[in-house]
Protein backbone atom coordinates (compact mmCIF):
# COMPACT_ATOMS: atom_id res chain seq x y z
CA MET A 1 -2.26 -29.10 -0.58
CA LEU A 2 -3.36 -26.61 -3.29
CA LEU A 3 -6.56 -24.71 -3.54
CA HIS A 4 -8.27 -26.93 -6.21
CA GLU A 5 -7.32 -29.99 -4.16
CA ILE A 6 -9.80 -28.88 -1.49
CA ILE A 7 -12.57 -29.38 -3.92
CA GLU A 8 -11.05 -32.60 -5.39
CA ARG A 9 -10.76 -34.17 -2.05
CA SER A 10 -14.28 -33.27 -0.91
CA ALA A 11 -15.73 -34.36 -4.18
CA LYS A 12 -14.02 -37.80 -3.79
CA ASN A 13 -15.26 -38.25 -0.21
CA THR A 14 -18.70 -36.65 -0.27
CA PRO A 15 -19.55 -36.16 -3.96
CA ASP A 16 -23.35 -35.63 -3.43
CA ALA A 17 -22.96 -33.43 -0.36
CA PRO A 18 -24.02 -29.68 -0.94
CA ALA A 19 -21.04 -27.45 -1.45
CA VAL A 20 -22.62 -24.06 -2.34
CA ILE A 21 -26.21 -22.97 -1.96
CA VAL A 22 -26.88 -19.83 -4.14
CA GLU A 23 -30.10 -18.24 -5.31
CA GLY A 24 -32.13 -21.51 -4.63
CA GLU A 25 -29.56 -23.66 -6.48
CA VAL A 26 -27.79 -26.53 -4.70
CA VAL A 27 -24.42 -27.47 -6.21
CA THR A 28 -22.72 -30.60 -4.82
CA PHE A 29 -19.09 -31.17 -4.47
CA SER A 30 -18.97 -33.40 -7.57
CA GLU A 31 -20.74 -30.77 -9.60
CA LEU A 32 -18.50 -27.95 -8.29
CA GLU A 33 -15.42 -30.03 -9.13
CA GLN A 34 -16.54 -30.34 -12.74
CA ARG A 35 -17.33 -26.48 -12.78
CA VAL A 36 -13.87 -25.77 -11.60
CA LYS A 37 -12.22 -27.97 -14.15
CA ARG A 38 -14.21 -26.64 -17.02
CA LEU A 39 -13.41 -22.91 -16.14
CA ALA A 40 -9.83 -23.71 -15.38
CA ASN A 41 -9.53 -25.31 -18.86
CA ALA A 42 -11.22 -22.37 -20.49
CA VAL A 43 -9.03 -19.87 -18.82
CA ALA A 44 -5.95 -21.97 -19.90
CA SER A 45 -6.99 -21.98 -23.43
CA ILE A 46 -6.77 -18.14 -23.84
CA THR A 47 -4.04 -17.09 -21.45
CA GLN A 48 -0.47 -17.85 -20.60
CA ARG A 49 0.89 -19.30 -17.49
CA HIS A 50 1.06 -16.94 -14.46
CA GLU A 51 -1.27 -14.44 -16.40
CA ARG A 52 -3.47 -12.39 -14.15
CA ILE A 53 -7.20 -12.84 -14.50
CA ALA A 54 -9.53 -10.05 -12.99
CA PHE A 55 -12.88 -10.89 -11.55
CA LEU A 56 -15.45 -8.07 -11.19
CA SER A 57 -18.69 -9.27 -9.56
CA GLU A 58 -20.74 -9.48 -6.23
CA ASN A 59 -20.97 -12.83 -4.75
CA THR A 60 -21.93 -15.42 -7.58
CA LEU A 61 -21.49 -19.14 -8.19
CA GLU A 62 -19.17 -18.27 -10.88
CA PHE A 63 -16.92 -16.28 -8.39
CA ALA A 64 -16.72 -19.38 -6.20
CA ASP A 65 -15.83 -21.37 -9.28
CA ALA A 66 -12.92 -18.85 -9.92
CA TYR A 67 -11.64 -19.19 -6.41
CA TYR A 68 -10.31 -22.72 -7.21
CA ALA A 69 -10.24 -22.86 -11.04
CA ILE A 70 -7.92 -19.95 -11.96
CA ALA A 71 -5.07 -21.01 -9.66
CA ARG A 72 -5.61 -24.72 -10.74
CA VAL A 73 -4.08 -23.90 -14.05
CA ARG A 74 -1.15 -21.63 -12.71
CA ARG A 75 -2.98 -18.38 -13.52
CA ILE A 76 -3.47 -15.78 -10.87
CA LEU A 77 -6.90 -14.56 -9.79
CA VAL A 78 -7.27 -10.73 -9.16
CA PRO A 79 -10.52 -10.07 -7.39
CA LEU A 80 -11.85 -6.36 -8.11
CA ASN A 81 -13.89 -4.78 -5.37
CA TYR A 82 -17.10 -4.06 -6.81
CA ARG A 83 -17.53 -1.03 -4.70
CA LEU A 84 -14.53 0.79 -6.07
CA ASN A 85 -14.64 3.62 -8.53
CA PRO A 86 -14.18 2.43 -12.20
CA ARG A 87 -10.98 4.46 -12.24
CA GLU A 88 -9.69 2.32 -9.34
CA TRP A 89 -10.42 -0.74 -11.18
CA VAL A 90 -8.50 0.38 -14.25
CA GLU A 91 -5.56 1.20 -11.96
CA ILE A 92 -5.44 -2.24 -10.68
CA LEU A 93 -5.79 -3.76 -14.23
CA HIS A 94 -2.82 -1.63 -15.42
CA ALA A 95 -0.83 -2.52 -12.31
CA THR A 96 -1.32 -6.38 -12.72
CA GLN A 97 -1.46 -6.14 -16.67
CA ALA A 98 -4.60 -8.30 -16.49
CA ARG A 99 -6.15 -8.43 -19.87
CA VAL A 100 -8.94 -10.76 -19.05
CA VAL A 101 -11.87 -9.59 -16.89
CA ILE A 102 -14.73 -11.66 -15.92
CA GLY A 103 -17.73 -9.88 -14.45
CA GLU A 104 -21.40 -9.07 -14.22
CA ARG A 105 -23.06 -7.03 -16.94
CA ALA A 106 -23.64 -3.89 -14.75
CA LEU A 107 -20.13 -3.79 -13.42
CA LEU A 108 -18.55 -4.39 -17.01
CA ASP A 109 -20.81 -1.63 -18.19
CA ALA A 110 -19.36 0.76 -15.68
CA LEU A 111 -15.72 -0.47 -16.44
CA GLU A 112 -15.76 -0.48 -20.26
CA PRO A 113 -15.95 3.28 -20.99
CA HIS A 114 -12.80 3.83 -18.97
CA LEU A 115 -10.70 1.05 -20.92
CA PRO A 116 -8.67 1.98 -23.96
CA LYS A 117 -10.67 1.79 -27.17
CA ASP A 118 -8.15 -0.22 -29.09
CA SER A 119 -4.72 -1.70 -29.00
CA SER A 120 -3.21 -0.09 -32.01
CA ASN A 121 -0.68 1.89 -30.13
CA GLY A 122 0.68 -0.94 -27.99
CA GLY A 123 -2.31 -0.85 -25.51
CA THR A 124 -3.93 -3.97 -23.88
CA GLN A 125 -6.64 -5.70 -25.86
CA PHE A 126 -9.05 -6.55 -23.10
CA ILE A 127 -11.24 -9.75 -23.19
CA LEU A 128 -14.50 -9.11 -21.29
CA ILE A 129 -16.31 -12.20 -20.13
CA GLU A 130 -19.84 -11.50 -19.08
CA ILE A 131 -21.48 -13.81 -16.46
CA GLY A 132 -24.76 -15.23 -17.76
CA GLY A 133 -25.96 -16.53 -21.14
CA ASP A 134 -26.66 -13.65 -23.54
CA CYS A 135 -24.11 -10.83 -23.32
CA ALA A 136 -23.45 -7.34 -24.57
CA ALA A 137 -21.79 -7.02 -27.99
CA GLY A 138 -18.09 -7.47 -28.12
CA ARG A 139 -17.96 -9.56 -24.91
CA VAL A 140 -17.73 -13.27 -24.41
CA ALA A 141 -20.61 -15.08 -22.51
CA PHE A 142 -19.49 -16.83 -19.55
CA ASN A 143 -21.75 -19.84 -20.08
CA ASP A 144 -20.46 -20.53 -23.55
CA PHE A 145 -16.75 -19.81 -22.43
CA ALA A 146 -16.77 -22.11 -19.38
CA ASP A 147 -19.08 -24.80 -20.65
CA GLY A 148 -17.37 -25.31 -24.00
CA SER A 149 -15.11 -28.09 -24.85
CA HIS A 150 -11.47 -27.29 -23.71
CA GLU A 151 -8.74 -29.87 -23.65
CA GLU A 152 -7.12 -30.31 -20.29
CA LEU A 153 -3.39 -29.77 -20.35
CA GLU A 154 -1.91 -31.72 -17.50
CA ARG A 155 1.31 -29.68 -17.60
CA GLU A 156 -0.60 -26.56 -16.66
CA ILE A 157 -2.03 -28.01 -13.48
CA ALA A 158 -0.51 -26.42 -10.45
CA THR A 159 1.85 -28.50 -8.20
CA ASP A 160 3.75 -25.88 -6.30
CA PRO A 161 2.20 -24.48 -3.10
CA GLU A 162 4.55 -21.33 -3.35
CA GLU A 163 3.06 -20.24 -6.61
CA THR A 164 0.80 -17.20 -6.38
CA ALA A 165 -2.93 -18.05 -6.45
CA TRP A 166 -4.44 -14.73 -5.78
CA ILE A 167 -3.39 -11.02 -5.72
CA LEU A 168 -5.77 -9.10 -3.27
CA PHE A 169 -5.33 -5.42 -3.32
CA THR A 170 -5.47 -3.50 -0.05
CA SER A 171 -5.09 0.19 0.67
CA GLY A 172 -1.88 1.25 2.51
CA THR A 173 -0.98 4.50 4.28
CA THR A 174 0.32 5.93 1.16
CA GLY A 175 -3.03 5.65 -0.39
CA ILE A 176 -1.51 3.71 -3.33
CA PRO A 177 -3.15 0.33 -3.64
CA LYS A 178 -0.77 -2.62 -2.87
CA GLY A 179 -1.40 -6.04 -4.30
CA ALA A 180 -0.77 -8.77 -1.71
CA MET A 181 0.55 -11.93 -3.34
CA LEU A 182 -1.14 -15.02 -1.74
CA PRO A 183 0.28 -18.33 -2.76
CA HIS A 184 -1.55 -21.59 -2.34
CA ARG A 185 0.55 -22.19 0.74
CA ALA A 186 -0.67 -19.13 2.49
CA LEU A 187 -4.37 -19.51 1.70
CA ILE A 188 -4.42 -23.17 2.73
CA ALA A 189 -2.54 -22.39 6.00
CA ALA A 190 -4.95 -19.59 6.73
CA ALA A 191 -7.96 -21.79 6.15
CA GLU A 192 -6.44 -24.50 8.35
CA ASN A 193 -5.49 -22.15 11.15
CA THR A 194 -8.99 -20.76 11.22
CA ALA A 195 -10.56 -24.27 11.14
CA LEU A 196 -8.48 -25.11 14.12
CA GLY A 197 -8.74 -21.83 16.02
CA ARG A 198 -12.57 -21.64 15.34
CA ARG A 199 -13.78 -25.20 15.20
CA VAL A 200 -15.98 -26.48 12.28
CA ALA A 201 -18.65 -28.85 13.31
CA GLU A 202 -19.48 -31.91 11.25
CA ASP A 203 -23.10 -30.66 10.84
CA ASP A 204 -22.10 -26.92 10.18
CA VAL A 205 -24.07 -24.92 7.46
CA TYR A 206 -22.15 -21.57 6.93
CA PHE A 207 -23.76 -18.45 5.75
CA LEU A 208 -21.14 -16.20 3.87
CA ALA A 209 -22.10 -12.51 4.23
CA PHE A 210 -18.72 -11.20 3.16
CA ALA A 211 -17.83 -10.28 -0.37
CA LEU A 212 -15.64 -12.76 -2.31
CA CYS A 213 -13.54 -9.95 -3.44
CA HIS A 214 -12.30 -9.42 0.09
CA VAL A 215 -9.86 -11.76 1.94
CA ALA A 216 -12.84 -12.65 4.23
CA GLY A 217 -14.03 -14.79 1.30
CA TYR A 218 -11.52 -17.32 2.42
CA ASN A 219 -14.38 -18.66 4.72
CA LEU A 220 -15.40 -20.57 1.53
CA LEU A 221 -12.00 -22.52 1.63
CA ILE A 222 -12.48 -23.16 5.36
CA MET A 223 -15.83 -24.86 5.12
CA HIS A 224 -15.10 -26.69 1.87
CA SER A 225 -11.90 -28.20 3.41
CA ARG A 226 -14.22 -29.75 5.93
CA ALA A 227 -16.73 -30.74 3.27
CA ARG A 228 -19.37 -28.31 4.58
CA PRO A 229 -21.84 -26.21 2.64
CA VAL A 230 -21.90 -22.53 2.22
CA VAL A 231 -25.00 -20.47 1.64
CA LEU A 232 -23.83 -17.67 -0.55
CA VAL A 233 -25.69 -14.42 -1.00
CA LYS A 234 -24.86 -11.27 -3.14
CA ARG A 235 -24.71 -9.06 -0.14
CA PHE A 236 -25.76 -9.01 3.35
CA GLU A 237 -29.48 -8.20 3.95
CA ALA A 238 -31.07 -8.80 7.30
CA ASP A 239 -34.37 -10.15 5.90
CA GLU A 240 -32.64 -12.61 3.55
CA PHE A 241 -30.26 -13.72 6.31
CA LEU A 242 -33.25 -14.59 8.51
CA THR A 243 -35.03 -16.45 5.64
CA LEU A 244 -32.10 -18.33 4.59
CA THR A 245 -31.00 -19.23 8.20
CA LYS A 246 -34.32 -20.82 8.86
CA ARG A 247 -34.54 -22.54 5.36
CA HIS A 248 -31.17 -24.19 5.24
CA GLY A 249 -30.56 -24.54 8.95
CA VAL A 250 -27.61 -22.18 9.16
CA THR A 251 -25.44 -22.74 12.25
CA ASN A 252 -22.48 -20.71 11.75
CA THR A 253 -21.76 -17.25 9.93
CA SER A 254 -19.30 -14.43 10.08
CA LEU A 255 -20.46 -10.76 10.17
CA ALA A 256 -19.03 -7.38 10.33
CA PRO A 257 -19.89 -5.12 13.31
CA THR A 258 -22.28 -3.13 11.35
CA MET A 259 -24.08 -6.30 10.18
CA VAL A 260 -24.46 -7.38 13.90
CA SER A 261 -25.84 -3.93 14.75
CA THR A 262 -28.24 -3.98 11.81
CA LEU A 263 -29.48 -7.44 12.73
CA LEU A 264 -30.12 -6.28 16.37
CA GLU A 265 -32.53 -3.65 15.06
CA HIS A 266 -34.52 -6.23 13.13
CA PRO A 267 -37.71 -6.99 15.05
CA GLU A 268 -37.80 -10.62 13.75
CA ALA A 269 -34.20 -11.51 14.57
CA ASP A 270 -34.73 -13.95 17.36
CA GLY A 271 -36.65 -17.09 18.35
CA GLU A 272 -37.45 -19.39 15.57
CA ALA A 273 -35.74 -17.47 12.84
CA LEU A 274 -32.30 -18.11 14.46
CA ALA A 275 -33.00 -21.28 16.28
CA THR A 276 -30.31 -23.24 14.50
CA LEU A 277 -27.57 -20.55 14.83
CA ARG A 278 -24.89 -21.59 17.22
CA GLN A 279 -22.07 -19.09 16.40
CA ILE A 280 -21.52 -15.71 14.97
CA ALA A 281 -17.92 -14.89 14.25
CA TYR A 282 -16.84 -11.13 13.59
CA GLY A 283 -13.99 -9.37 12.29
CA SER A 284 -12.50 -6.27 10.39
CA SER A 285 -12.95 -4.28 13.55
CA SER A 286 -14.24 -4.82 17.18
CA VAL A 287 -17.87 -4.96 18.00
CA PRO A 288 -18.64 -2.42 20.95
CA ALA A 289 -18.93 -4.25 24.27
CA GLU A 290 -22.54 -3.03 24.71
CA ILE A 291 -23.59 -4.45 21.29
CA LEU A 292 -22.05 -7.80 22.15
CA ARG A 293 -23.74 -7.93 25.50
CA ARG A 294 -27.17 -7.25 23.82
CA ALA A 295 -26.55 -9.74 20.93
CA MET A 296 -25.42 -12.59 23.18
CA GLN A 297 -28.44 -11.93 25.56
CA ARG A 298 -30.96 -11.71 22.76
CA TRP A 299 -29.84 -14.67 20.50
CA GLY A 300 -28.21 -16.97 22.86
CA CYS A 301 -25.46 -18.09 20.54
CA ASP A 302 -21.68 -18.00 20.85
CA PHE A 303 -19.58 -15.16 19.43
CA ALA A 304 -16.14 -15.71 18.18
CA GLN A 305 -13.58 -13.04 16.97
CA GLY A 306 -10.90 -13.19 14.27
CA TYR A 307 -8.16 -10.92 13.80
CA GLY A 308 -6.10 -10.83 10.58
CA MET A 309 -5.66 -9.10 7.29
CA THR A 310 -5.07 -9.47 3.68
CA GLU A 311 -1.36 -10.16 4.08
CA LEU A 312 -2.35 -13.11 6.19
CA GLY A 313 -4.76 -14.73 3.88
CA GLY A 314 -7.37 -14.36 6.60
CA ASN A 315 -7.35 -14.53 10.37
CA ALA A 316 -4.39 -15.59 12.64
CA VAL A 317 -5.72 -14.65 16.06
CA PHE A 318 -9.05 -15.84 17.60
CA MET A 319 -11.15 -15.29 20.59
CA ASP A 320 -13.65 -18.24 21.29
CA GLY A 321 -17.09 -18.32 22.72
CA HIS A 322 -15.93 -19.22 26.18
CA ALA A 323 -13.74 -15.96 26.35
CA HIS A 324 -16.73 -13.89 25.14
CA ARG A 325 -19.09 -15.50 27.91
CA ARG A 326 -16.44 -14.46 30.37
CA GLY A 327 -16.33 -11.07 28.91
CA VAL A 328 -20.05 -10.46 29.60
CA THR A 329 -19.90 -11.92 33.14
CA THR A 330 -16.66 -11.63 35.21
CA ASP A 331 -13.99 -10.34 32.87
CA PRO A 332 -15.29 -7.31 30.84
CA HIS A 333 -11.75 -6.44 29.57
CA LEU A 334 -11.96 -9.56 27.30
CA LEU A 335 -14.61 -7.90 25.18
CA THR A 336 -12.01 -5.36 23.89
CA ALA A 337 -9.44 -8.14 23.23
CA ALA A 338 -8.65 -9.80 19.75
CA GLY A 339 -7.93 -13.15 21.10
CA LYS A 340 -4.90 -15.57 21.04
CA PRO A 341 -2.84 -16.82 17.96
CA GLY A 342 -4.31 -19.86 16.30
CA PRO A 343 -2.24 -23.15 16.59
CA LEU A 344 -0.57 -22.53 13.30
CA ALA A 345 0.66 -18.91 14.05
CA GLU A 346 2.91 -16.98 16.37
CA ALA A 347 2.50 -13.40 17.53
CA ARG A 348 4.76 -10.91 19.34
CA ILE A 349 4.63 -7.35 20.50
CA VAL A 350 7.83 -5.48 19.38
CA ASP A 351 9.42 -2.12 19.24
CA ASP A 352 10.41 -0.31 15.99
CA ALA A 353 13.70 -2.28 16.14
CA MET A 354 11.73 -5.68 16.05
CA VAL A 355 12.87 -6.31 19.73
CA GLU A 356 10.17 -8.15 21.72
CA LEU A 357 8.53 -6.08 24.47
CA PRO A 358 7.57 -7.31 28.01
CA MET A 359 4.01 -8.40 28.71
CA GLY A 360 1.54 -5.51 28.93
CA GLU A 361 3.72 -3.14 26.97
CA VAL A 362 2.17 -1.53 23.87
CA GLY A 363 4.11 -2.11 20.54
CA GLU A 364 3.55 -3.34 17.08
CA ILE A 365 1.86 -6.66 16.57
CA VAL A 366 3.95 -8.94 14.43
CA ILE A 367 2.82 -12.45 13.23
CA ARG A 368 4.74 -15.40 11.90
CA GLY A 369 3.32 -18.58 10.20
CA ALA A 370 2.83 -20.23 6.83
CA GLN A 371 -0.16 -18.09 6.08
CA VAL A 372 2.08 -14.85 5.70
CA PHE A 373 1.90 -13.59 2.12
CA SER A 374 4.99 -13.76 -0.11
CA GLY A 375 4.98 -10.02 -0.87
CA TYR A 376 3.50 -7.11 -2.60
CA TRP A 377 3.22 -7.26 -6.45
CA ASN A 378 6.01 -5.46 -8.02
CA ASP A 379 6.91 -3.52 -4.84
CA PRO A 380 10.03 -5.16 -3.26
CA GLU A 381 10.67 -2.19 -1.01
CA SER A 382 7.34 -2.43 0.70
CA THR A 383 7.70 -6.25 0.99
CA ALA A 384 11.18 -5.78 2.62
CA GLU A 385 9.66 -3.32 5.06
CA THR A 386 6.73 -5.60 5.99
CA ILE A 387 8.30 -9.02 6.17
CA ILE A 388 11.24 -9.13 8.68
CA ASP A 389 12.89 -12.56 9.09
CA GLY A 390 9.55 -14.19 8.44
CA TRP A 391 7.63 -12.01 10.73
CA LEU A 392 4.79 -9.82 9.31
CA ARG A 393 4.69 -6.36 10.56
CA THR A 394 0.82 -5.73 10.87
CA GLY A 395 1.16 -1.96 11.46
CA ASP A 396 -1.21 -2.42 14.43
CA LEU A 397 -0.40 -1.47 18.00
CA GLY A 398 -1.40 -3.79 20.78
CA PHE A 399 -0.21 -5.66 23.93
CA ILE A 400 -0.35 -9.11 25.24
CA ASP A 401 -1.77 -9.85 28.75
CA SER A 402 -0.92 -12.47 31.35
CA GLU A 403 -3.19 -14.84 29.79
CA GLY A 404 -1.91 -14.49 26.25
CA PHE A 405 -4.85 -12.47 24.93
CA ILE A 406 -3.74 -9.85 22.34
CA SER A 407 -5.59 -6.53 22.52
CA VAL A 408 -5.34 -4.03 19.63
CA VAL A 409 -5.24 -0.46 20.95
CA ASP A 410 -4.54 1.68 17.79
CA ARG A 411 -3.44 1.45 14.25
CA LYS A 412 0.16 2.51 13.54
CA LYS A 413 -1.01 3.10 9.95
CA ASP A 414 -3.75 5.75 9.40
CA VAL A 415 -6.19 3.35 7.93
CA ILE A 416 -9.93 3.91 8.79
CA VAL A 417 -12.13 0.71 8.96
CA THR A 418 -15.68 1.66 8.07
CA GLY A 419 -18.45 -0.82 7.61
CA GLY A 420 -15.75 -3.51 7.42
CA GLU A 421 -13.93 -1.74 4.45
CA ASN A 422 -10.50 -0.35 4.75
CA VAL A 423 -9.91 3.37 3.70
CA ALA A 424 -6.54 4.91 3.54
CA SER A 425 -6.62 8.37 4.90
CA ARG A 426 -3.93 9.56 2.48
CA GLU A 427 -5.82 8.41 -0.52
CA VAL A 428 -8.84 10.48 0.45
CA GLU A 429 -6.52 13.50 1.20
CA GLU A 430 -4.95 13.24 -2.14
CA VAL A 431 -8.40 13.58 -3.76
CA LEU A 432 -9.60 16.41 -1.49
CA HIS A 433 -6.63 18.39 -2.45
CA ARG A 434 -8.00 18.82 -5.80
CA HIS A 435 -10.63 21.26 -4.47
CA PRO A 436 -9.42 24.81 -5.22
CA GLY A 437 -10.53 26.07 -1.85
CA VAL A 438 -8.69 23.51 0.19
CA LEU A 439 -5.33 24.65 1.69
CA GLU A 440 -4.78 21.82 3.96
CA VAL A 441 -6.66 18.61 4.80
CA ALA A 442 -6.17 15.67 7.05
CA VAL A 443 -8.52 12.80 7.14
CA VAL A 444 -9.22 10.62 10.18
CA GLY A 445 -11.73 8.09 11.54
CA VAL A 446 -14.19 9.03 14.17
CA PRO A 447 -16.42 6.57 16.22
CA ASP A 448 -19.57 5.56 14.56
CA GLU A 449 -22.17 3.58 16.23
CA HIS A 450 -23.36 1.88 12.95
CA TRP A 451 -20.22 1.78 10.80
CA GLY A 452 -17.64 1.26 13.46
CA GLU A 453 -15.78 4.37 12.22
CA ALA A 454 -16.78 7.15 9.85
CA VAL A 455 -14.51 9.05 7.60
CA CYS A 456 -13.96 12.75 8.68
CA ALA A 457 -12.14 15.44 6.73
CA ALA A 458 -10.59 18.27 8.58
CA ILE A 459 -10.06 21.03 6.25
CA VAL A 460 -8.19 24.30 6.38
CA PRO A 461 -9.79 26.46 3.73
CA ARG A 462 -7.91 28.93 1.60
CA SER A 463 -8.43 32.62 2.64
CA GLY A 464 -11.37 34.21 1.01
CA VAL A 465 -12.59 30.84 -0.71
CA GLU A 466 -15.75 29.24 0.51
CA VAL A 467 -15.73 25.48 0.90
CA THR A 468 -18.91 23.46 1.53
CA SER A 469 -19.35 19.98 2.81
CA GLU A 470 -21.50 19.15 -0.30
CA GLU A 471 -18.69 20.08 -2.61
CA ILE A 472 -16.18 18.01 -0.69
CA VAL A 473 -18.40 14.87 -0.65
CA ALA A 474 -19.19 15.36 -4.32
CA LEU A 475 -15.56 15.58 -5.18
CA ALA A 476 -14.86 12.36 -3.31
CA LYS A 477 -17.47 10.52 -5.11
CA ASP A 478 -16.12 11.42 -8.40
CA TYR A 479 -12.93 9.67 -7.72
CA LEU A 480 -13.47 7.12 -5.06
CA ALA A 481 -15.66 4.38 -3.94
CA SER A 482 -18.66 5.72 -2.11
CA TYR A 483 -17.67 4.22 1.21
CA LYS A 484 -14.39 6.28 1.07
CA LYS A 485 -16.21 9.67 0.96
CA PRO A 486 -16.24 11.72 4.22
CA ARG A 487 -19.40 11.30 6.29
CA HIS A 488 -18.30 14.43 8.22
CA VAL A 489 -16.44 17.69 7.07
CA VAL A 490 -15.05 19.96 9.68
CA LEU A 491 -13.54 23.41 8.82
CA VAL A 492 -10.62 24.33 11.08
CA GLU A 493 -8.22 27.19 11.20
CA SER A 494 -5.17 24.96 11.36
CA LEU A 495 -4.02 21.40 11.84
CA PRO A 496 -2.11 20.32 14.81
CA ARG A 497 1.49 19.34 13.96
CA ASN A 498 4.62 18.17 15.82
CA THR A 499 7.95 19.82 15.50
CA SER A 500 8.78 18.00 12.43
CA GLY A 501 5.75 19.33 10.68
CA LYS A 502 3.78 16.10 10.68
CA VAL A 503 0.04 16.23 11.46
CA MET A 504 -0.70 14.67 15.00
CA LYS A 505 -3.72 12.76 14.06
CA HIS A 506 -4.36 11.37 17.47
CA VAL A 507 -4.82 15.04 18.71
CA LEU A 508 -6.91 15.98 15.60
CA ARG A 509 -9.17 13.00 16.25
CA ASP A 510 -10.01 14.54 19.80
CA GLN A 511 -10.44 17.99 18.27
CA VAL A 512 -12.82 16.88 15.62
CA ALA A 513 -14.74 14.70 18.09
CA GLU A 514 -15.43 17.80 20.26
CA ILE A 515 -16.50 19.78 17.27
CA LEU A 516 -18.83 17.22 16.11
CA ALA A 517 -20.26 16.64 19.56
CA SER A 518 -21.13 20.26 19.80
CA ARG A 519 -23.12 20.35 16.48
């Protein structure tokens, strides 16, 4: 199956059933199918096969259209994280040679000043398509573009599951964004594995709180593959979640740990407002055990966990409601586990030579299955290092217990997960080194009750030069997305290093934790 066939099948079987509910508008599967075809034809009319189409938007109906439409005509969707700095958007556009950008006005306004003014010297001539009716001068209005008359070319319709559908960029330990190429095959397998590992009920109504520019947006595919509706919002707001859950009878959602914590603090987040809610899934990082206990006791619904990553097209390991109930009663260790592989994936714990380790021994988690991505965009070396004989090296350290539950104990790569967003420490370090008063810097994640982890910069200042926290944070904001800026800045005399000169970040984390605790 291919992405667009999800919609075509559901439109054939349940044409009048709601597919997307957004801003009070209910779009049926038959209507969504027509929207997808119109956008696909429009994109095919101005681009070449396999060309990359960037999308810069918060969650919108048009973004949902693009999930299926662009790959339908053998073009490649490149979602841009709307929270990034405009310079980062431009880097991705250049890396993928994407010349078409579909987006919301405010975001295109932020992007446009950073684009080349013309193509007279061989540069790219960008086509900016603005979501909405009227648009700024020099741009194409999405409504006119996607609703126009475009001839459908059958030869352009995708038929090969191995063709790349999306390129999703994820930060690596080097700080250089890597574009994970996700073919139809991987996305369909990820959606199916999740639908089996985290069952979709026949009457489910799903609230999508995650951004469609993230791999977590694949929840749209999961629900549509079962012909179930998705309530789509621009971003998670506790008040809106409560209102829409009651209005539409939401039964199922996925939340980041920070969203769970925020909802717990809401005085009206219980009783009638959440009467229909049966399950909350969470991912991106673990929810503290105490938060889980409080939430399960207060709301009375099931919790489910998913462990995965961009390179897997979504989640591959799942922990169901039964395991969570055990965790809050008889087996508390389960609340720190990630779960078991779904029926369409395999997982192992291996050493650096990819040799499988005995039960209970800590090593790298590797995963195999149809949902493994095909490689990094224009980066064969990283691809070869990441995919070994079909196994994806996750970069996470963990172990498997006697029941087959996988626990993640640490990240092999120095990636900080804050509020569900990945932050590469090296990327932040490179920017902070621009400050003339910074002699050395190392960035680590420190525990944070609200965000899961917070970015902390440990800085060795140059002799005789004053370095302030305000300057460091301001510098980071000039070059990086806001969520990547340090929430804590610690001045130290030296960084702990091993005999080869590498910073021992596990030691540094303990050191900065002591400093922060004493403040």
